[in-house]
Amino acid sequence: MSAFQAMVDAQFDDPNLGLDAIWRAGGSDEGLPVRVRYRSPEGIVGLQGNQFDLDATLLDIRLSEVAEPAEGDLVDVLDEDGALRETVRVIGLAGIDARKLVRTCEVALLAPDDPDDP
């Protein structure tokens, strides 16, 4: 294991940074227990004299746990007691880090009564 992989694992395993989750590829019933990290960057973009506040919710996943995350995957994020906190859907794939250890995914909260929930 490289020093970089050890650092990434330490971040995901830290209870202050990482969260337990169940990754459901394609929204399937079968899920894989994983650790994820949330990020919520904000940016203000100017376009033709207007300013827009861009809000995105990003989720990091170790590629050692989910080798090929994809749009449409569902992620059940768990609370400290292991109960379901929320479910998010992967709506976009951002970059992979330089060491090819972590993939960043854009996610959207799936409402509990969402009719599109498989």
N, C-alpha and C. Protein backbone atom coordinates (compact mmCIF):
# COMPACT_ATOMS: atom_id res chain seq x y z
N MET A 1 0.85 -1.17 0.00
CA MET A 1 0.00 0.00 0.00
C MET A 1 0.90 1.24 0.00
N SER A 2 0.56 2.17 -0.87
CA SER A 2 1.35 3.40 -0.95
C SER A 2 0.95 4.36 0.17
N ALA A 3 1.80 5.34 0.40
CA ALA A 3 1.50 6.36 1.41
C ALA A 3 0.24 7.13 1.02
N PHE A 4 0.02 7.35 -0.27
CA PHE A 4 -1.17 8.07 -0.72
C PHE A 4 -2.43 7.26 -0.45
N GLN A 5 -2.37 5.97 -0.72
CA GLN A 5 -3.53 5.12 -0.46
C GLN A 5 -3.82 5.06 1.04
N ALA A 6 -2.79 4.99 1.86
CA ALA A 6 -2.97 4.98 3.31
C ALA A 6 -3.62 6.28 3.79
N MET A 7 -3.21 7.41 3.20
CA MET A 7 -3.80 8.70 3.57
C MET A 7 -5.28 8.76 3.17
N VAL A 8 -5.60 8.30 1.98
CA VAL A 8 -6.99 8.30 1.51
C VAL A 8 -7.83 7.39 2.42
N ASP A 9 -7.33 6.22 2.73
CA ASP A 9 -8.07 5.30 3.60
C ASP A 9 -8.29 5.91 4.98
N ALA A 10 -7.29 6.61 5.50
CA ALA A 10 -7.43 7.25 6.81
C ALA A 10 -8.52 8.32 6.78
N GLN A 11 -8.60 9.07 5.70
CA GLN A 11 -9.64 10.09 5.59
C GLN A 11 -11.03 9.47 5.53
N PHE A 12 -11.20 8.44 4.72
CA PHE A 12 -12.51 7.80 4.60
C PHE A 12 -12.90 7.10 5.90
N ASP A 13 -11.92 6.52 6.59
CA ASP A 13 -12.21 5.78 7.82
C ASP A 13 -12.41 6.68 9.03
N ASP A 14 -11.99 7.94 8.93
CA ASP A 14 -12.16 8.88 10.04
C ASP A 14 -13.66 9.14 10.24
N PRO A 15 -14.17 8.97 11.46
CA PRO A 15 -15.61 9.16 11.69
C PRO A 15 -16.07 10.60 11.51
N ASN A 16 -15.15 11.56 11.48
CA ASN A 16 -15.52 12.95 11.26
C ASN A 16 -15.59 13.31 9.78
N LEU A 17 -14.98 12.51 8.93
CA LEU A 17 -14.94 12.81 7.50
C LEU A 17 -15.75 11.82 6.66
N GLY A 18 -15.65 10.55 6.99
CA GLY A 18 -16.31 9.52 6.20
C GLY A 18 -17.63 9.09 6.81
N LEU A 19 -18.51 8.58 5.95
CA LEU A 19 -19.81 8.09 6.38
C LEU A 19 -20.02 6.68 5.85
N ASP A 20 -20.71 5.86 6.63
CA ASP A 20 -21.10 4.54 6.15
C ASP A 20 -22.25 4.71 5.16
N ALA A 21 -22.24 3.87 4.13
CA ALA A 21 -23.29 3.94 3.12
C ALA A 21 -23.44 2.58 2.46
N ILE A 22 -24.54 2.44 1.75
CA ILE A 22 -24.78 1.25 0.92
C ILE A 22 -24.87 1.75 -0.51
N TRP A 23 -23.97 1.26 -1.37
CA TRP A 23 -23.92 1.65 -2.78
C TRP A 23 -24.72 0.64 -3.57
N ARG A 24 -25.75 1.12 -4.29
CA ARG A 24 -26.60 0.24 -5.08
C ARG A 24 -26.45 0.58 -6.56
N ALA A 25 -25.61 -0.19 -7.24
CA ALA A 25 -25.33 0.05 -8.66
C ALA A 25 -26.60 -0.04 -9.47
N GLY A 26 -26.86 1.00 -10.25
CA GLY A 26 -28.06 1.02 -11.08
C GLY A 26 -29.35 1.05 -10.30
N GLY A 27 -29.28 1.29 -8.99
CA GLY A 27 -30.47 1.31 -8.15
C GLY A 27 -30.96 -0.07 -7.76
N SER A 28 -30.11 -1.08 -7.94
CA SER A 28 -30.52 -2.45 -7.65
C SER A 28 -30.83 -2.65 -6.16
N ASP A 29 -31.51 -3.75 -5.86
CA ASP A 29 -31.83 -4.06 -4.47
C ASP A 29 -30.59 -4.48 -3.70
N GLU A 30 -29.66 -5.13 -4.38
CA GLU A 30 -28.43 -5.55 -3.73
C GLU A 30 -27.53 -4.35 -3.53
N GLY A 31 -26.92 -4.27 -2.37
CA GLY A 31 -26.06 -3.13 -2.10
C GLY A 31 -24.72 -3.56 -1.56
N LEU A 32 -23.77 -2.69 -1.67
CA LEU A 32 -22.40 -2.93 -1.22
C LEU A 32 -22.07 -1.93 -0.12
N PRO A 33 -21.70 -2.40 1.08
CA PRO A 33 -21.32 -1.45 2.14
C PRO A 33 -20.02 -0.74 1.77
N VAL A 34 -20.04 0.59 1.87
CA VAL A 34 -18.89 1.41 1.51
C VAL A 34 -18.76 2.56 2.51
N ARG A 35 -17.67 3.31 2.37
CA ARG A 35 -17.49 4.57 3.09
C ARG A 35 -17.44 5.68 2.05
N VAL A 36 -18.11 6.78 2.31
CA VAL A 36 -18.15 7.91 1.37
C VAL A 36 -17.80 9.20 2.11
N ARG A 37 -17.45 10.21 1.33
CA ARG A 37 -17.22 11.56 1.88
C ARG A 37 -18.08 12.52 1.09
N TYR A 38 -18.76 13.42 1.81
CA TYR A 38 -19.54 14.48 1.18
C TYR A 38 -18.69 15.72 0.99
N ARG A 39 -18.95 16.43 -0.09
CA ARG A 39 -18.37 17.76 -0.31
C ARG A 39 -19.46 18.62 -0.92
N SER A 40 -19.54 19.86 -0.49
CA SER A 40 -20.54 20.79 -1.02
C SER A 40 -19.88 22.11 -1.39
N PRO A 41 -19.16 22.13 -2.51
CA PRO A 41 -18.52 23.38 -2.92
C PRO A 41 -19.56 24.37 -3.41
N GLU A 42 -19.28 25.61 -3.25
CA GLU A 42 -20.14 26.66 -3.78
C GLU A 42 -19.32 27.55 -4.68
N GLY A 43 -19.95 28.07 -5.67
CA GLY A 43 -19.27 28.98 -6.56
C GLY A 43 -20.25 30.00 -7.11
N ILE A 44 -19.75 31.14 -7.42
CA ILE A 44 -20.59 32.17 -8.04
C ILE A 44 -20.02 32.41 -9.42
N VAL A 45 -20.89 32.26 -10.42
CA VAL A 45 -20.48 32.37 -11.81
C VAL A 45 -21.19 33.57 -12.42
N GLY A 46 -20.44 34.37 -13.15
CA GLY A 46 -21.04 35.51 -13.85
C GLY A 46 -21.29 35.16 -15.31
N LEU A 47 -22.47 35.56 -15.81
CA LEU A 47 -22.81 35.29 -17.19
C LEU A 47 -23.65 36.46 -17.70
N GLN A 48 -23.17 37.17 -18.67
CA GLN A 48 -23.87 38.29 -19.30
C GLN A 48 -24.40 39.29 -18.26
N GLY A 49 -23.56 39.66 -17.30
CA GLY A 49 -23.94 40.65 -16.31
C GLY A 49 -24.74 40.11 -15.15
N ASN A 50 -25.11 38.84 -15.18
CA ASN A 50 -25.85 38.22 -14.08
C ASN A 50 -24.90 37.34 -13.28
N GLN A 51 -25.24 37.14 -12.02
CA GLN A 51 -24.45 36.23 -11.19
C GLN A 51 -25.34 35.10 -10.71
N PHE A 52 -24.82 33.88 -10.81
CA PHE A 52 -25.55 32.70 -10.40
C PHE A 52 -24.77 31.97 -9.32
N ASP A 53 -25.47 31.57 -8.28
CA ASP A 53 -24.87 30.81 -7.19
C ASP A 53 -25.04 29.33 -7.53
N LEU A 54 -23.93 28.68 -7.81
CA LEU A 54 -23.98 27.26 -8.14
C LEU A 54 -23.81 26.44 -6.88
N ASP A 55 -24.74 25.60 -6.63
CA ASP A 55 -24.71 24.74 -5.47
C ASP A 55 -24.69 23.30 -5.96
N ALA A 56 -23.73 22.55 -5.57
CA ALA A 56 -23.66 21.15 -5.97
C ALA A 56 -23.35 20.31 -4.74
N THR A 57 -23.84 19.11 -4.74
CA THR A 57 -23.48 18.18 -3.69
C THR A 57 -22.65 17.09 -4.35
N LEU A 58 -21.44 16.94 -3.84
CA LEU A 58 -20.52 15.96 -4.39
C LEU A 58 -20.25 14.89 -3.35
N LEU A 59 -20.02 13.70 -3.84
CA LEU A 59 -19.75 12.57 -2.98
C LEU A 59 -18.50 11.88 -3.51
N ASP A 60 -17.54 11.61 -2.65
CA ASP A 60 -16.32 10.90 -3.03
C ASP A 60 -16.46 9.44 -2.65
N ILE A 61 -15.99 8.57 -3.55
CA ILE A 61 -16.00 7.13 -3.30
C ILE A 61 -14.63 6.58 -3.68
N ARG A 62 -14.13 5.67 -2.86
CA ARG A 62 -12.85 5.03 -3.21
C ARG A 62 -13.08 4.04 -4.35
N LEU A 63 -12.23 4.12 -5.35
CA LEU A 63 -12.34 3.20 -6.48
C LEU A 63 -12.02 1.77 -6.07
N SER A 64 -11.36 1.59 -4.94
CA SER A 64 -11.11 0.24 -4.43
C SER A 64 -12.41 -0.40 -3.92
N GLU A 65 -13.42 0.42 -3.63
CA GLU A 65 -14.71 -0.10 -3.16
C GLU A 65 -15.73 -0.20 -4.28
N VAL A 66 -15.79 0.83 -5.13
CA VAL A 66 -16.70 0.84 -6.28
C VAL A 66 -15.86 1.21 -7.49
N ALA A 67 -15.50 0.21 -8.26
CA ALA A 67 -14.57 0.42 -9.37
C ALA A 67 -15.14 1.28 -10.48
N GLU A 68 -16.46 1.17 -10.72
CA GLU A 68 -17.08 1.90 -11.82
C GLU A 68 -18.39 2.55 -11.39
N PRO A 69 -18.33 3.61 -10.59
CA PRO A 69 -19.58 4.30 -10.26
C PRO A 69 -20.20 4.85 -11.53
N ALA A 70 -21.54 4.91 -11.57
CA ALA A 70 -22.22 5.34 -12.79
C ALA A 70 -23.43 6.20 -12.45
N GLU A 71 -23.82 7.01 -13.42
CA GLU A 71 -25.05 7.78 -13.26
C GLU A 71 -26.20 6.80 -13.05
N GLY A 72 -27.08 7.15 -12.12
CA GLY A 72 -28.22 6.29 -11.81
C GLY A 72 -27.99 5.40 -10.60
N ASP A 73 -26.75 5.27 -10.16
CA ASP A 73 -26.49 4.50 -8.94
C ASP A 73 -27.15 5.22 -7.77
N LEU A 74 -27.65 4.43 -6.82
CA LEU A 74 -28.24 4.99 -5.60
C LEU A 74 -27.30 4.74 -4.44
N VAL A 75 -27.26 5.68 -3.50
CA VAL A 75 -26.41 5.56 -2.33
C VAL A 75 -27.27 5.84 -1.11
N ASP A 76 -27.41 4.82 -0.26
CA ASP A 76 -28.12 4.98 1.01
C ASP A 76 -27.08 5.39 2.05
N VAL A 77 -27.15 6.63 2.49
CA VAL A 77 -26.22 7.15 3.48
C VAL A 77 -26.80 6.84 4.86
N LEU A 78 -25.97 6.26 5.71
CA LEU A 78 -26.43 5.81 7.02
C LEU A 78 -26.01 6.79 8.11
N ASP A 79 -26.77 6.81 9.21
CA ASP A 79 -26.39 7.65 10.34
C ASP A 79 -25.46 6.86 11.26
N GLU A 80 -25.11 7.46 12.39
CA GLU A 80 -24.16 6.84 13.31
C GLU A 80 -24.64 5.50 13.87
N ASP A 81 -25.97 5.31 13.90
CA ASP A 81 -26.55 4.07 14.42
C ASP A 81 -26.77 3.03 13.33
N GLY A 82 -26.42 3.35 12.09
CA GLY A 82 -26.59 2.41 10.99
C GLY A 82 -27.96 2.47 10.35
N ALA A 83 -28.78 3.45 10.75
CA ALA A 83 -30.11 3.62 10.15
C ALA A 83 -30.00 4.52 8.92
N LEU A 84 -30.93 4.37 8.02
CA LEU A 84 -30.94 5.17 6.79
C LEU A 84 -31.13 6.65 7.13
N ARG A 85 -30.19 7.47 6.71
CA ARG A 85 -30.27 8.92 6.90
C ARG A 85 -30.90 9.59 5.68
N GLU A 86 -30.42 9.19 4.49
CA GLU A 86 -30.95 9.72 3.24
C GLU A 86 -30.46 8.87 2.09
N THR A 87 -31.17 8.99 0.98
CA THR A 87 -30.76 8.31 -0.24
C THR A 87 -30.48 9.35 -1.30
N VAL A 88 -29.35 9.21 -1.97
CA VAL A 88 -28.99 10.12 -3.06
C VAL A 88 -28.78 9.32 -4.33
N ARG A 89 -29.01 9.99 -5.46
CA ARG A 89 -28.80 9.38 -6.78
C ARG A 89 -27.61 10.05 -7.43
N VAL A 90 -26.75 9.26 -8.04
CA VAL A 90 -25.61 9.80 -8.79
C VAL A 90 -26.18 10.39 -10.08
N ILE A 91 -25.96 11.71 -10.26
CA ILE A 91 -26.49 12.39 -11.45
C ILE A 91 -25.38 12.84 -12.40
N GLY A 92 -24.15 12.69 -11.97
CA GLY A 92 -23.03 13.06 -12.83
C GLY A 92 -21.72 12.57 -12.26
N LEU A 93 -20.77 12.36 -13.11
CA LEU A 93 -19.45 11.89 -12.69
C LEU A 93 -18.43 12.99 -12.94
N ALA A 94 -17.74 13.36 -11.90
CA ALA A 94 -16.68 14.35 -12.03
C ALA A 94 -15.36 13.59 -12.18
N GLY A 95 -14.29 14.22 -11.82
CA GLY A 95 -12.98 13.64 -12.06
C GLY A 95 -12.56 12.55 -11.10
N ILE A 96 -11.48 11.92 -11.51
CA ILE A 96 -10.78 10.95 -10.67
C ILE A 96 -9.49 11.63 -10.24
N ASP A 97 -9.09 11.44 -8.98
CA ASP A 97 -7.88 12.10 -8.50
C ASP A 97 -6.65 11.61 -9.27
N ALA A 98 -5.56 12.33 -9.14
CA ALA A 98 -4.35 12.06 -9.91
C ALA A 98 -3.79 10.67 -9.67
N ARG A 99 -3.98 10.13 -8.47
CA ARG A 99 -3.46 8.80 -8.14
C ARG A 99 -4.44 7.67 -8.47
N LYS A 100 -5.61 8.04 -9.01
CA LYS A 100 -6.65 7.08 -9.40
C LYS A 100 -7.13 6.25 -8.21
N LEU A 101 -7.36 6.96 -7.09
CA LEU A 101 -7.84 6.30 -5.88
C LEU A 101 -9.28 6.68 -5.54
N VAL A 102 -9.70 7.89 -5.93
CA VAL A 102 -11.00 8.42 -5.52
C VAL A 102 -11.73 9.01 -6.73
N ARG A 103 -13.01 8.69 -6.85
CA ARG A 103 -13.87 9.26 -7.89
C ARG A 103 -14.85 10.20 -7.22
N THR A 104 -15.06 11.36 -7.79
CA THR A 104 -16.04 12.31 -7.29
C THR A 104 -17.29 12.22 -8.15
N CYS A 105 -18.44 12.11 -7.48
CA CYS A 105 -19.73 11.99 -8.16
C CYS A 105 -20.62 13.14 -7.72
N GLU A 106 -21.37 13.71 -8.65
CA GLU A 106 -22.39 14.68 -8.26
C GLU A 106 -23.65 13.90 -7.93
N VAL A 107 -24.28 14.24 -6.81
CA VAL A 107 -25.46 13.51 -6.36
C VAL A 107 -26.61 14.47 -6.07
N ALA A 108 -27.81 13.94 -6.10
CA ALA A 108 -29.01 14.70 -5.76
C ALA A 108 -29.81 13.88 -4.77
N LEU A 109 -30.38 14.57 -3.81
CA LEU A 109 -31.20 13.92 -2.79
C LEU A 109 -32.43 13.32 -3.44
N LEU A 110 -32.71 12.10 -3.12
CA LEU A 110 -33.89 11.41 -3.63
C LEU A 110 -34.97 11.54 -2.56
N ALA A 111 -36.04 12.22 -2.89
CA ALA A 111 -37.12 12.42 -1.92
C ALA A 111 -37.72 11.06 -1.55
N PRO A 112 -38.11 10.87 -0.29
CA PRO A 112 -38.65 9.58 0.15
C PRO A 112 -39.85 9.11 -0.64
N ASP A 113 -40.64 10.03 -1.18
CA ASP A 113 -41.83 9.63 -1.93
C ASP A 113 -41.66 9.84 -3.44
N ASP A 114 -40.40 9.87 -3.88
CA ASP A 114 -40.10 10.09 -5.30
C ASP A 114 -40.62 8.91 -6.12
N PRO A 115 -41.51 9.17 -7.10
CA PRO A 115 -42.05 8.07 -7.90
C PRO A 115 -41.01 7.39 -8.79
N ASP A 116 -39.87 8.05 -9.02
CA ASP A 116 -38.82 7.44 -9.84
C ASP A 116 -37.94 6.49 -9.05
N ASP A 117 -38.18 6.38 -7.75
CA ASP A 117 -37.38 5.50 -6.90
C ASP A 117 -37.66 4.05 -7.29
N PRO A 118 -36.63 3.33 -7.76
CA PRO A 118 -36.87 1.94 -8.20
C PRO A 118 -37.16 1.02 -7.03
